[in-house]
Amino acid sequence: MSGNMKAPATVAAVKPNSGWVDFTNLADFTLNGNGAIFDGQGSLAWKANDCAKTGKCNSLPINIRFTGLTNSKIIGITSTNSKLFHMNVLNCKNVTLENIGIDAPPESLNTDGIHIGRSIGVNLIGAKVKTGDDCVSIGDGTENLIVENVECGPGHGIAVGSLGRYPNEQPVRGVTVRKCLIKNTSNGVRIKTWPGSPPGIASNIIFEDITMDNVSTPVLIDQEYCPYADCKAGVPSKVKLSDVTFKNIKGTSARKIAVKLICSVGTPCTNVALADINLVHNGPEGPAVGACANMKPVLTGQMIPPACTEIAKPGP
């Protein structure tokens, strides 16, 4: 690419999950952006976005969609002010994204930075993400994913999920998130599943070597995730979490509860491990604590704060 692209600022409904710029069904493809900017001009769309009331917001365009790519590389592009998600990676195999930029203000609603789903062997290596939702979100059907050297914030952190909202979701297996810096976000690294969900699987997930700087909930498993109050509260999630590790996570928590682990009472988590955690909180309510519900983690190494000294409750 040479130069930048700018989308129309007007807000027009599009067919669900469509994109402004689409790359579809390509093999052995390289996009070298040379720092190119895809400007979605989304500020008018954020004002019109009523996701929080309706739970539906997919009639706005995604800035850039990569669908059905195989053995491909995406290098050196930036998405700014997307109307909805910035980048969507779907049904891809062996795709590497390097040197990616995402830039939108905190008030940009539902602007996930990079969403990856139903893809095998994706590598996201090097990204700076500032947005109004998850910096990186990992959807169903993701296998053998590496996320490395991502700077995240402002935003909602790096998330597996949400999972379990729809029937027939595919398993998530083999996710590694490492060497990331998360700063001034509402969450750090988290896994979120809906209550009352159909059966699902998320396994072999590791978050390691993560630095937190003023993050509201640095470490979070939330199997009672209910953002729009339209879920089956009180009905356990049936997404089975297993072999999940949080390792060498350090820094500062903006809230007292620095580690919050809520597993499903109906489909219990198995082999959730905490290793070498050092998260401090310097607020008037006292030092950081760890809270758990329906689970008992496997503990190794340093543990600041001590794990599971309180019972975790749903909600922020």
C-alpha atoms as a PDB file:
ATOM      1  CA  MET A   1       0.000   0.000   0.000  1.00  0.00           C
ATOM      2  CA  SER A   2       0.975   3.577  -0.612  1.00  0.00           C
ATOM      3  CA  GLY A   3      -1.072   6.198   1.183  1.00  0.00           C
ATOM      4  CA  ASN A   4      -4.130   6.064   3.444  1.00  0.00           C
ATOM      5  CA  MET A   5      -7.817   5.251   3.053  1.00  0.00           C
ATOM      6  CA  LYS A   6     -10.751   7.168   4.514  1.00  0.00           C
ATOM      7  CA  ALA A   7     -14.287   5.791   4.875  1.00  0.00           C
ATOM      8  CA  PRO A   8     -17.482   7.839   4.463  1.00  0.00           C
ATOM      9  CA  ALA A   9     -18.415   9.414   7.793  1.00  0.00           C
ATOM     10  CA  THR A  10     -22.131   8.877   7.245  1.00  0.00           C
ATOM     11  CA  VAL A  11     -23.872   6.139   9.206  1.00  0.00           C
ATOM     12  CA  ALA A  12     -25.687   3.732   6.902  1.00  0.00           C
ATOM     13  CA  ALA A  13     -26.948   0.294   7.901  1.00  0.00           C
ATOM     14  CA  VAL A  14     -25.146  -2.556   6.176  1.00  0.00           C
ATOM     15  CA  LYS A  15     -25.856  -6.255   6.115  1.00  0.00           C
ATOM     16  CA  PRO A  16     -24.728  -7.880   9.375  1.00  0.00           C
ATOM     17  CA  ASN A  17     -21.023  -8.524   9.860  1.00  0.00           C
ATOM     18  CA  SER A  18     -19.997  -6.834   6.632  1.00  0.00           C
ATOM     19  CA  GLY A  19     -16.848  -4.795   6.238  1.00  0.00           C
ATOM     20  CA  TRP A  20     -15.652  -1.572   4.737  1.00  0.00           C
ATOM     21  CA  VAL A  21     -12.464  -3.144   3.274  1.00  0.00           C
ATOM     22  CA  ASP A  22     -12.584  -6.918   2.734  1.00  0.00           C
ATOM     23  CA  PHE A  23      -9.791  -9.345   1.894  1.00  0.00           C
ATOM     24  CA  THR A  24     -11.466 -12.678   1.124  1.00  0.00           C
ATOM     25  CA  ASN A  25     -10.409 -16.194   0.053  1.00  0.00           C
ATOM     26  CA  LEU A  26      -6.727 -15.527  -0.654  1.00  0.00           C
ATOM     27  CA  ALA A  27      -3.728 -17.863  -0.428  1.00  0.00           C
ATOM     28  CA  ASP A  28      -0.038 -16.955  -0.162  1.00  0.00           C
ATOM     29  CA  PHE A  29      -1.008 -13.290   0.133  1.00  0.00           C
ATOM     30  CA  THR A  30       1.044 -10.457   1.632  1.00  0.00           C
ATOM     31  CA  LEU A  31      -0.322  -7.035   2.503  1.00  0.00           C
ATOM     32  CA  ASN A  32       2.527  -4.637   3.247  1.00  0.00           C
ATOM     33  CA  GLY A  33       0.909  -1.506   4.552  1.00  0.00           C
ATOM     34  CA  ASN A  34       4.020   0.654   4.959  1.00  0.00           C
ATOM     35  CA  GLY A  35       2.195   2.252   7.892  1.00  0.00           C
ATOM     36  CA  ALA A  36      -1.006   2.863   5.922  1.00  0.00           C
ATOM     37  CA  ILE A  37      -4.018   4.137   7.878  1.00  0.00           C
ATOM     38  CA  PHE A  38      -7.564   2.890   7.341  1.00  0.00           C
ATOM     39  CA  ASP A  39      -9.676   5.685   8.843  1.00  0.00           C
ATOM     40  CA  GLY A  40     -13.242   4.547   9.526  1.00  0.00           C
ATOM     41  CA  GLN A  41     -14.440   8.026  10.561  1.00  0.00           C
ATOM     42  CA  GLY A  42     -16.616   6.372  13.184  1.00  0.00           C
ATOM     43  CA  SER A  43     -17.489   9.210  15.565  1.00  0.00           C
ATOM     44  CA  LEU A  44     -21.021   9.682  14.182  1.00  0.00           C
ATOM     45  CA  ALA A  45     -21.613   5.918  14.310  1.00  0.00           C
ATOM     46  CA  TRP A  46     -20.644   5.683  17.994  1.00  0.00           C
ATOM     47  CA  LYS A  47     -23.337   8.214  18.843  1.00  0.00           C
ATOM     48  CA  ALA A  48     -25.914   6.149  16.923  1.00  0.00           C
ATOM     49  CA  ASN A  49     -24.760   2.855  18.411  1.00  0.00           C
ATOM     50  CA  ASP A  50     -27.339   1.466  20.856  1.00  0.00           C
ATOM     51  CA  CYS A  51     -25.711  -1.898  21.581  1.00  0.00           C
ATOM     52  CA  ALA A  52     -25.956  -1.445  25.319  1.00  0.00           C
ATOM     53  CA  LYS A  53     -29.752  -1.244  25.060  1.00  0.00           C
ATOM     54  CA  THR A  54     -30.380  -3.811  22.334  1.00  0.00           C
ATOM     55  CA  GLY A  55     -27.395  -6.150  22.515  1.00  0.00           C
ATOM     56  CA  LYS A  56     -27.306  -5.906  18.712  1.00  0.00           C
ATOM     57  CA  CYS A  57     -24.915  -3.707  16.822  1.00  0.00           C
ATOM     58  CA  ASN A  58     -23.710  -5.630  13.792  1.00  0.00           C
ATOM     59  CA  SER A  59     -25.393  -3.398  11.207  1.00  0.00           C
ATOM     60  CA  LEU A  60     -22.355  -1.116  11.294  1.00  0.00           C
ATOM     61  CA  PRO A  61     -19.334  -1.961   9.103  1.00  0.00           C
ATOM     62  CA  ILE A  62     -16.145  -3.549  10.422  1.00  0.00           C
ATOM     63  CA  ASN A  63     -13.157  -1.525   9.235  1.00  0.00           C
ATOM     64  CA  ILE A  64     -11.072  -4.375   7.781  1.00  0.00           C
ATOM     65  CA  ARG A  65     -12.059  -8.006   7.362  1.00  0.00           C
ATOM     66  CA  PHE A  66      -9.675 -10.864   6.608  1.00  0.00           C
ATOM     67  CA  THR A  67     -11.789 -13.901   5.717  1.00  0.00           C
ATOM     68  CA  GLY A  68     -10.582 -17.234   4.363  1.00  0.00           C
ATOM     69  CA  LEU A  69      -6.890 -16.320   4.115  1.00  0.00           C
ATOM     70  CA  THR A  70      -4.289 -19.108   4.012  1.00  0.00           C
ATOM     71  CA  ASN A  71      -0.505 -18.875   4.415  1.00  0.00           C
ATOM     72  CA  SER A  72      -0.628 -15.081   4.414  1.00  0.00           C
ATOM     73  CA  LYS A  73       0.986 -12.055   6.078  1.00  0.00           C
ATOM     74  CA  ILE A  74      -0.482  -8.691   7.052  1.00  0.00           C
ATOM     75  CA  ILE A  75       2.240  -6.175   7.919  1.00  0.00           C
ATOM     76  CA  GLY A  76       2.298  -2.540   8.978  1.00  0.00           C
ATOM     77  CA  ILE A  77      -1.288  -1.295   8.837  1.00  0.00           C
ATOM     78  CA  THR A  78      -3.279   0.868  11.249  1.00  0.00           C
ATOM     79  CA  SER A  79      -7.035   1.085  11.727  1.00  0.00           C
ATOM     80  CA  THR A  80      -8.391   4.283  13.238  1.00  0.00           C
ATOM     81  CA  ASN A  81     -11.872   5.288  14.412  1.00  0.00           C
ATOM     82  CA  SER A  82     -13.686   2.213  13.137  1.00  0.00           C
ATOM     83  CA  LYS A  83     -17.488   2.297  13.245  1.00  0.00           C
ATOM     84  CA  LEU A  84     -17.534  -1.221  14.759  1.00  0.00           C
ATOM     85  CA  PHE A  85     -14.689  -3.774  15.154  1.00  0.00           C
ATOM     86  CA  HIS A  86     -11.396  -2.574  13.679  1.00  0.00           C
ATOM     87  CA  MET A  87     -10.149  -5.898  12.283  1.00  0.00           C
ATOM     88  CA  ASN A  88     -11.899  -9.238  12.006  1.00  0.00           C
ATOM     89  CA  VAL A  89      -9.861 -12.383  11.242  1.00  0.00           C
ATOM     90  CA  LEU A  90     -12.233 -15.237  10.401  1.00  0.00           C
ATOM     91  CA  ASN A  91     -11.855 -18.691   8.829  1.00  0.00           C
ATOM     92  CA  CYS A  92      -8.110 -18.156   8.344  1.00  0.00           C
ATOM     93  CA  LYS A  93      -5.238 -20.644   8.456  1.00  0.00           C
ATOM     94  CA  ASN A  94      -1.559 -19.887   9.045  1.00  0.00           C
ATOM     95  CA  VAL A  95      -1.835 -16.106   8.979  1.00  0.00           C
ATOM     96  CA  THR A  96       0.611 -13.701  10.637  1.00  0.00           C
ATOM     97  CA  LEU A  97      -0.218 -10.101  11.535  1.00  0.00           C
ATOM     98  CA  GLU A  98       2.813  -7.937  12.374  1.00  0.00           C
ATOM     99  CA  ASN A  99       3.229  -4.325  13.409  1.00  0.00           C
ATOM    100  CA  ILE A 100      -0.481  -3.550  13.667  1.00  0.00           C
ATOM    101  CA  GLY A 101      -1.925  -0.292  14.938  1.00  0.00           C
ATOM    102  CA  ILE A 102      -5.411   0.307  16.346  1.00  0.00           C
ATOM    103  CA  ASP A 103      -6.435   3.791  17.428  1.00  0.00           C
ATOM    104  CA  ALA A 104      -9.816   5.002  18.688  1.00  0.00           C
ATOM    105  CA  PRO A 105     -10.917   6.890  21.825  1.00  0.00           C
ATOM    106  CA  PRO A 106     -12.330   5.137  24.908  1.00  0.00           C
ATOM    107  CA  GLU A 107     -15.887   6.318  24.070  1.00  0.00           C
ATOM    108  CA  SER A 108     -15.916   4.332  20.795  1.00  0.00           C
ATOM    109  CA  LEU A 109     -18.459   1.583  21.513  1.00  0.00           C
ATOM    110  CA  ASN A 110     -17.967  -2.044  20.419  1.00  0.00           C
ATOM    111  CA  THR A 111     -14.764  -1.256  18.585  1.00  0.00           C
ATOM    112  CA  ASP A 112     -12.854  -4.443  19.380  1.00  0.00           C
ATOM    113  CA  GLY A 113      -9.312  -3.951  18.108  1.00  0.00           C
ATOM    114  CA  ILE A 114      -8.495  -7.311  16.554  1.00  0.00           C
ATOM    115  CA  HIS A 115     -11.090 -10.101  16.692  1.00  0.00           C
ATOM    116  CA  ILE A 116      -9.935 -13.599  15.781  1.00  0.00           C
ATOM    117  CA  GLY A 117     -12.372 -16.471  15.339  1.00  0.00           C
ATOM    118  CA  ARG A 118     -12.711 -19.879  13.637  1.00  0.00           C
ATOM    119  CA  SER A 119      -9.080 -19.722  12.598  1.00  0.00           C
ATOM    120  CA  ILE A 120      -6.093 -22.041  13.036  1.00  0.00           C
ATOM    121  CA  GLY A 121      -2.476 -20.970  13.346  1.00  0.00           C
ATOM    122  CA  VAL A 122      -2.847 -17.201  13.575  1.00  0.00           C
ATOM    123  CA  ASN A 123       0.105 -15.199  14.950  1.00  0.00           C
ATOM    124  CA  LEU A 124      -0.373 -11.614  16.113  1.00  0.00           C
ATOM    125  CA  ILE A 125       3.149 -10.312  16.705  1.00  0.00           C
ATOM    126  CA  GLY A 126       3.546  -6.683  17.666  1.00  0.00           C
ATOM    127  CA  ALA A 127       0.561  -4.356  17.999  1.00  0.00           C
ATOM    128  CA  LYS A 128      -0.312  -1.073  19.696  1.00  0.00           C
ATOM    129  CA  VAL A 129      -4.017  -0.942  20.485  1.00  0.00           C
ATOM    130  CA  LYS A 130      -6.035   1.973  21.867  1.00  0.00           C
ATOM    131  CA  THR A 131      -9.789   1.510  21.594  1.00  0.00           C
ATOM    132  CA  GLY A 132     -13.177   1.488  23.342  1.00  0.00           C
ATOM    133  CA  ASP A 133     -13.581  -2.277  23.733  1.00  0.00           C
ATOM    134  CA  ASP A 134     -11.356  -5.369  23.893  1.00  0.00           C
ATOM    135  CA  CYS A 135      -7.891  -4.748  22.451  1.00  0.00           C
ATOM    136  CA  VAL A 136      -7.817  -8.352  21.238  1.00  0.00           C
ATOM    137  CA  SER A 137     -10.854 -10.651  21.382  1.00  0.00           C
ATOM    138  CA  ILE A 138     -10.611 -14.371  20.724  1.00  0.00           C
ATOM    139  CA  GLY A 139     -13.790 -16.004  19.481  1.00  0.00           C
ATOM    140  CA  ASP A 140     -15.025 -19.551  19.095  1.00  0.00           C
ATOM    141  CA  GLY A 141     -13.170 -21.950  16.802  1.00  0.00           C
ATOM    142  CA  THR A 142      -9.764 -20.373  17.461  1.00  0.00           C
ATOM    143  CA  GLU A 143      -6.928 -22.909  17.640  1.00  0.00           C
ATOM    144  CA  ASN A 144      -3.154 -22.565  17.971  1.00  0.00           C
ATOM    145  CA  LEU A 145      -3.120 -18.792  18.365  1.00  0.00           C
ATOM    146  CA  ILE A 146      -0.117 -16.735  19.509  1.00  0.00           C
ATOM    147  CA  VAL A 147      -0.559 -13.120  20.674  1.00  0.00           C
ATOM    148  CA  GLU A 148       2.771 -11.517  21.505  1.00  0.00           C
ATOM    149  CA  ASN A 149       4.153  -8.041  22.208  1.00  0.00           C
ATOM    150  CA  VAL A 150       0.823  -6.230  22.285  1.00  0.00           C
ATOM    151  CA  GLU A 151       0.495  -2.870  24.017  1.00  0.00           C
ATOM    152  CA  CYS A 152      -3.131  -2.446  25.077  1.00  0.00           C
ATOM    153  CA  GLY A 153      -4.817   0.623  26.510  1.00  0.00           C
ATOM    154  CA  PRO A 154      -7.119   2.356  26.787  1.00  0.00           C
ATOM    155  CA  GLY A 155      -9.586  -0.462  26.184  1.00  0.00           C
ATOM    156  CA  HIS A 156     -11.062  -3.517  27.869  1.00  0.00           C
ATOM    157  CA  GLY A 157      -7.959  -5.741  27.826  1.00  0.00           C
ATOM    158  CA  ILE A 158      -7.245  -9.026  26.033  1.00  0.00           C
ATOM    159  CA  ALA A 159     -10.105 -11.519  26.146  1.00  0.00           C
ATOM    160  CA  VAL A 160     -11.009 -15.066  25.251  1.00  0.00           C
ATOM    161  CA  GLY A 161     -14.696 -14.733  24.465  1.00  0.00           C
ATOM    162  CA  SER A 162     -17.298 -13.987  25.038  1.00  0.00           C
ATOM    163  CA  LEU A 163     -18.189 -17.645  24.489  1.00  0.00           C
ATOM    164  CA  GLY A 164     -21.494 -19.457  24.773  1.00  0.00           C
ATOM    165  CA  ARG A 165     -23.850 -16.804  23.495  1.00  0.00           C
ATOM    166  CA  TYR A 166     -24.835 -18.771  20.375  1.00  0.00           C
ATOM    167  CA  PRO A 167     -25.527 -22.456  19.641  1.00  0.00           C
ATOM    168  CA  ASN A 168     -22.979 -24.638  17.844  1.00  0.00           C
ATOM    169  CA  GLU A 169     -19.900 -22.629  18.756  1.00  0.00           C
ATOM    170  CA  GLN A 170     -16.611 -24.370  17.955  1.00  0.00           C
ATOM    171  CA  PRO A 171     -14.002 -25.197  20.640  1.00  0.00           C
ATOM    172  CA  VAL A 172     -11.195 -22.807  21.541  1.00  0.00           C
ATOM    173  CA  ARG A 173      -7.906 -24.692  21.920  1.00  0.00           C
ATOM    174  CA  GLY A 174      -4.283 -23.704  22.231  1.00  0.00           C
ATOM    175  CA  VAL A 175      -4.153 -19.955  22.911  1.00  0.00           C
ATOM    176  CA  THR A 176      -0.934 -18.273  24.091  1.00  0.00           C
ATOM    177  CA  VAL A 177      -0.863 -14.594  25.086  1.00  0.00           C
ATOM    178  CA  ARG A 178       2.612 -13.454  26.157  1.00  0.00           C
ATOM    179  CA  LYS A 179       4.944 -10.493  26.610  1.00  0.00           C
ATOM    180  CA  CYS A 180       2.179  -7.881  26.620  1.00  0.00           C
ATOM    181  CA  LEU A 181       1.730  -4.521  28.351  1.00  0.00           C
ATOM    182  CA  ILE A 182      -1.793  -3.600  29.455  1.00  0.00           C
ATOM    183  CA  LYS A 183      -2.303  -0.058  30.709  1.00  0.00           C
ATOM    184  CA  ASN A 184      -5.284   1.956  32.018  1.00  0.00           C
ATOM    185  CA  THR A 185      -7.876  -0.631  30.960  1.00  0.00           C
ATOM    186  CA  SER A 186     -11.058  -1.950  32.567  1.00  0.00           C
ATOM    187  CA  ASN A 187      -9.744  -5.532  32.452  1.00  0.00           C
ATOM    188  CA  GLY A 188      -6.388  -7.180  31.936  1.00  0.00           C
ATOM    189  CA  VAL A 189      -6.428 -10.753  30.633  1.00  0.00           C
ATOM    190  CA  ARG A 190      -9.774 -12.521  30.895  1.00  0.00           C
ATOM    191  CA  ILE A 191     -11.985 -15.378  29.798  1.00  0.00           C
ATOM    192  CA  LYS A 192     -15.708 -14.636  29.611  1.00  0.00           C
ATOM    193  CA  THR A 193     -18.612 -17.025  29.001  1.00  0.00           C
ATOM    194  CA  TRP A 194     -22.362 -16.443  29.112  1.00  0.00           C
ATOM    195  CA  PRO A 195     -24.638 -17.998  31.735  1.00  0.00           C
ATOM    196  CA  GLY A 196     -27.243 -20.356  30.359  1.00  0.00           C
ATOM    197  CA  SER A 197     -24.974 -21.164  27.430  1.00  0.00           C
ATOM    198  CA  PRO A 198     -25.065 -24.223  25.172  1.00  0.00           C
ATOM    199  CA  PRO A 199     -22.197 -26.681  25.763  1.00  0.00           C
ATOM    200  CA  GLY A 200     -18.756 -25.454  24.677  1.00  0.00           C
ATOM    201  CA  ILE A 201     -15.035 -25.958  25.259  1.00  0.00           C
ATOM    202  CA  ALA A 202     -12.076 -23.668  25.919  1.00  0.00           C
ATOM    203  CA  SER A 203      -8.807 -25.410  26.799  1.00  0.00           C
ATOM    204  CA  ASN A 204      -5.032 -25.066  26.810  1.00  0.00           C
ATOM    205  CA  ILE A 205      -4.947 -21.310  27.322  1.00  0.00           C
ATOM    206  CA  ILE A 206      -1.907 -19.539  28.754  1.00  0.00           C
ATOM    207  CA  PHE A 207      -1.361 -15.905  29.651  1.00  0.00           C
ATOM    208  CA  GLU A 208       2.280 -15.301  30.576  1.00  0.00           C
ATOM    209  CA  ASP A 209       4.777 -12.488  31.051  1.00  0.00           C
ATOM    210  CA  ILE A 210       2.121  -9.773  31.221  1.00  0.00           C
ATOM    211  CA  THR A 211       2.722  -6.335  32.767  1.00  0.00           C
ATOM    212  CA  MET A 212      -0.301  -4.480  34.175  1.00  0.00           C
ATOM    213  CA  ASP A 213      -0.314  -0.725  34.748  1.00  0.00           C
ATOM    214  CA  ASN A 214      -3.372   0.670  36.565  1.00  0.00           C
ATOM    215  CA  VAL A 215      -5.701  -2.074  35.300  1.00  0.00           C
ATOM    216  CA  SER A 216      -9.087  -2.406  36.994  1.00  0.00           C
ATOM    217  CA  THR A 217      -9.274  -6.228  37.082  1.00  0.00           C
ATOM    218  CA  PRO A 218      -5.932  -7.584  35.886  1.00  0.00           C
ATOM    219  CA  VAL A 219      -6.779 -11.311  35.988  1.00  0.00           C
ATOM    220  CA  LEU A 220     -10.351 -12.455  35.380  1.00  0.00           C
ATOM    221  CA  ILE A 221     -12.358 -15.562  34.617  1.00  0.00           C
ATOM    222  CA  ASP A 222     -16.039 -14.645  34.381  1.00  0.00           C
ATOM    223  CA  GLN A 223     -18.427 -17.487  33.618  1.00  0.00           C
ATOM    224  CA  GLU A 224     -21.374 -15.298  34.589  1.00  0.00           C
ATOM    225  CA  TYR A 225     -20.719 -12.642  31.940  1.00  0.00           C
ATOM    226  CA  CYS A 226     -23.860 -10.604  31.340  1.00  0.00           C
ATOM    227  CA  PRO A 227     -23.206  -7.175  29.799  1.00  0.00           C
ATOM    228  CA  TYR A 228     -26.706  -6.331  28.567  1.00  0.00           C
ATOM    229  CA  ALA A 229     -28.860  -7.832  31.334  1.00  0.00           C
ATOM    230  CA  ASP A 230     -30.536 -10.007  28.705  1.00  0.00           C
ATOM    231  CA  CYS A 231     -28.932 -13.307  29.698  1.00  0.00           C
ATOM    232  CA  LYS A 232     -30.190 -16.281  31.687  1.00  0.00           C
ATOM    233  CA  ALA A 233     -28.866 -15.112  35.023  1.00  0.00           C
ATOM    234  CA  GLY A 234     -28.668 -17.918  37.544  1.00  0.00           C
ATOM    235  CA  VAL A 235     -28.439 -20.641  34.880  1.00  0.00           C
ATOM    236  CA  PRO A 236     -24.881 -22.015  34.811  1.00  0.00           C
ATOM    237  CA  SER A 237     -22.651 -21.642  31.776  1.00  0.00           C
ATOM    238  CA  LYS A 238     -21.968 -24.943  30.014  1.00  0.00           C
ATOM    239  CA  VAL A 239     -18.681 -23.804  28.506  1.00  0.00           C
ATOM    240  CA  LYS A 240     -16.036 -26.117  29.963  1.00  0.00           C
ATOM    241  CA  LEU A 241     -12.772 -24.362  30.841  1.00  0.00           C
ATOM    242  CA  SER A 242      -9.709 -26.555  31.338  1.00  0.00           C
ATOM    243  CA  ASP A 243      -5.930 -26.199  31.449  1.00  0.00           C
ATOM    244  CA  VAL A 244      -5.826 -22.425  31.875  1.00  0.00           C
ATOM    245  CA  THR A 245      -2.635 -20.792  33.195  1.00  0.00           C
ATOM    246  CA  PHE A 246      -1.886 -17.242  34.350  1.00  0.00           C
ATOM    247  CA  LYS A 247       1.902 -17.025  34.762  1.00  0.00           C
ATOM    248  CA  ASN A 248       4.302 -14.207  35.655  1.00  0.00           C
ATOM    249  CA  ILE A 249       1.715 -11.439  35.762  1.00  0.00           C
ATOM    250  CA  LYS A 250       2.886  -8.333  37.567  1.00  0.00           C
ATOM    251  CA  GLY A 251       2.078  -4.667  38.043  1.00  0.00           C
ATOM    252  CA  THR A 252      -0.669  -2.526  39.529  1.00  0.00           C
ATOM    253  CA  SER A 253      -4.408  -3.040  39.963  1.00  0.00           C
ATOM    254  CA  ALA A 254      -6.738  -0.039  39.949  1.00  0.00           C
ATOM    255  CA  ARG A 255      -9.250  -2.006  42.047  1.00  0.00           C
ATOM    256  CA  LYS A 256      -8.848  -3.925  45.264  1.00  0.00           C
ATOM    257  CA  ILE A 257      -9.803  -7.260  43.670  1.00  0.00           C
ATOM    258  CA  ALA A 258      -6.802  -7.906  41.424  1.00  0.00           C
ATOM    259  CA  VAL A 259      -7.468 -11.591  40.672  1.00  0.00           C
ATOM    260  CA  LYS A 260     -11.091 -12.638  40.174  1.00  0.00           C
ATOM    261  CA  LEU A 261     -11.974 -16.186  39.159  1.00  0.00           C
ATOM    262  CA  ILE A 262     -15.658 -17.126  38.739  1.00  0.00           C
ATOM    263  CA  CYS A 263     -16.166 -20.581  37.262  1.00  0.00           C
ATOM    264  CA  SER A 264     -19.411 -22.286  36.314  1.00  0.00           C
ATOM    265  CA  VAL A 265     -21.194 -24.038  39.147  1.00  0.00           C
ATOM    266  CA  GLY A 266     -22.678 -26.509  36.635  1.00  0.00           C
ATOM    267  CA  THR A 267     -19.620 -27.237  34.458  1.00  0.00           C
ATOM    268  CA  PRO A 268     -16.655 -26.734  36.768  1.00  0.00           C
ATOM    269  CA  CYS A 269     -13.284 -25.440  35.566  1.00  0.00           C
ATOM    270  CA  THR A 270     -10.451 -27.937  35.759  1.00  0.00           C
ATOM    271  CA  ASN A 271      -6.729 -27.276  36.154  1.00  0.00           C
ATOM    272  CA  VAL A 272      -6.757 -23.494  36.403  1.00  0.00           C
ATOM    273  CA  ALA A 273      -3.267 -22.455  37.498  1.00  0.00           C
ATOM    274  CA  LEU A 274      -1.800 -19.272  38.968  1.00  0.00           C
ATOM    275  CA  ALA A 275       1.986 -18.981  38.935  1.00  0.00           C
ATOM    276  CA  ASP A 276       4.208 -16.087  40.006  1.00  0.00           C
ATOM    277  CA  ILE A 277       1.581 -13.371  40.429  1.00  0.00           C
ATOM    278  CA  ASN A 278       2.609  -9.957  41.784  1.00  0.00           C
ATOM    279  CA  LEU A 279      -0.209  -7.406  41.566  1.00  0.00           C
ATOM    280  CA  VAL A 280      -0.431  -4.525  44.019  1.00  0.00           C
ATOM    281  CA  HIS A 281      -3.171  -2.019  44.790  1.00  0.00           C
ATOM    282  CA  ASN A 282      -2.586   1.286  46.541  1.00  0.00           C
ATOM    283  CA  GLY A 283      -6.109   2.496  47.261  1.00  0.00           C
ATOM    284  CA  PRO A 284      -7.825   3.668  50.438  1.00  0.00           C
ATOM    285  CA  GLU A 285      -9.687   0.344  50.754  1.00  0.00           C
ATOM    286  CA  GLY A 286      -6.464  -1.509  51.455  1.00  0.00           C
ATOM    287  CA  PRO A 287      -4.118  -3.870  49.623  1.00  0.00           C
ATOM    288  CA  ALA A 288      -5.090  -6.087  46.698  1.00  0.00           C
ATOM    289  CA  VAL A 289      -7.015  -9.312  47.250  1.00  0.00           C
ATOM    290  CA  GLY A 290      -7.852 -12.425  45.245  1.00  0.00           C
ATOM    291  CA  ALA A 291     -11.447 -13.635  44.949  1.00  0.00           C
ATOM    292  CA  CYS A 292     -12.797 -16.958  43.678  1.00  0.00           C
ATOM    293  CA  ALA A 293     -16.117 -18.736  43.198  1.00  0.00           C
ATOM    294  CA  ASN A 294     -16.844 -22.367  42.296  1.00  0.00           C
ATOM    295  CA  MET A 295     -13.180 -23.234  41.819  1.00  0.00           C
ATOM    296  CA  LYS A 296      -9.833 -23.856  43.484  1.00  0.00           C
ATOM    297  CA  PRO A 297      -6.742 -22.915  41.463  1.00  0.00           C
ATOM    298  CA  VAL A 298      -3.425 -24.732  41.348  1.00  0.00           C
ATOM    299  CA  LEU A 299      -0.825 -22.396  42.890  1.00  0.00           C
ATOM    300  CA  THR A 300       2.929 -22.177  42.321  1.00  0.00           C
ATOM    301  CA  GLY A 301       5.556 -19.535  43.031  1.00  0.00           C
ATOM    302  CA  GLN A 302       4.964 -16.047  44.384  1.00  0.00           C
ATOM    303  CA  MET A 303       1.305 -15.164  45.016  1.00  0.00           C
ATOM    304  CA  ILE A 304       0.585 -11.469  45.614  1.00  0.00           C
ATOM    305  CA  PRO A 305      -2.215 -11.079  46.475  1.00  0.00           C
ATOM    306  CA  PRO A 306      -2.920 -14.430  48.147  1.00  0.00           C
ATOM    307  CA  ALA A 307      -5.380 -16.377  46.019  1.00  0.00           C
ATOM    308  CA  CYS A 308      -9.049 -16.868  46.869  1.00  0.00           C
ATOM    309  CA  THR A 309      -9.208 -15.086  50.216  1.00  0.00           C
ATOM    310  CA  GLU A 310     -12.631 -13.696  49.269  1.00  0.00           C
ATOM    311  CA  ILE A 311     -15.713 -15.079  47.514  1.00  0.00           C
ATOM    312  CA  ALA A 312     -16.022 -13.562  44.059  1.00  0.00           C
ATOM    313  CA  LYS A 313     -19.298 -11.980  42.982  1.00  0.00           C
ATOM    314  CA  PRO A 314     -20.444 -11.266  39.415  1.00  0.00           C
ATOM    315  CA  GLY A 315     -20.328  -7.761  37.988  1.00  0.00           C
ATOM    316  CA  PRO A 316     -17.614  -5.141  37.816  1.00  0.00           C
END
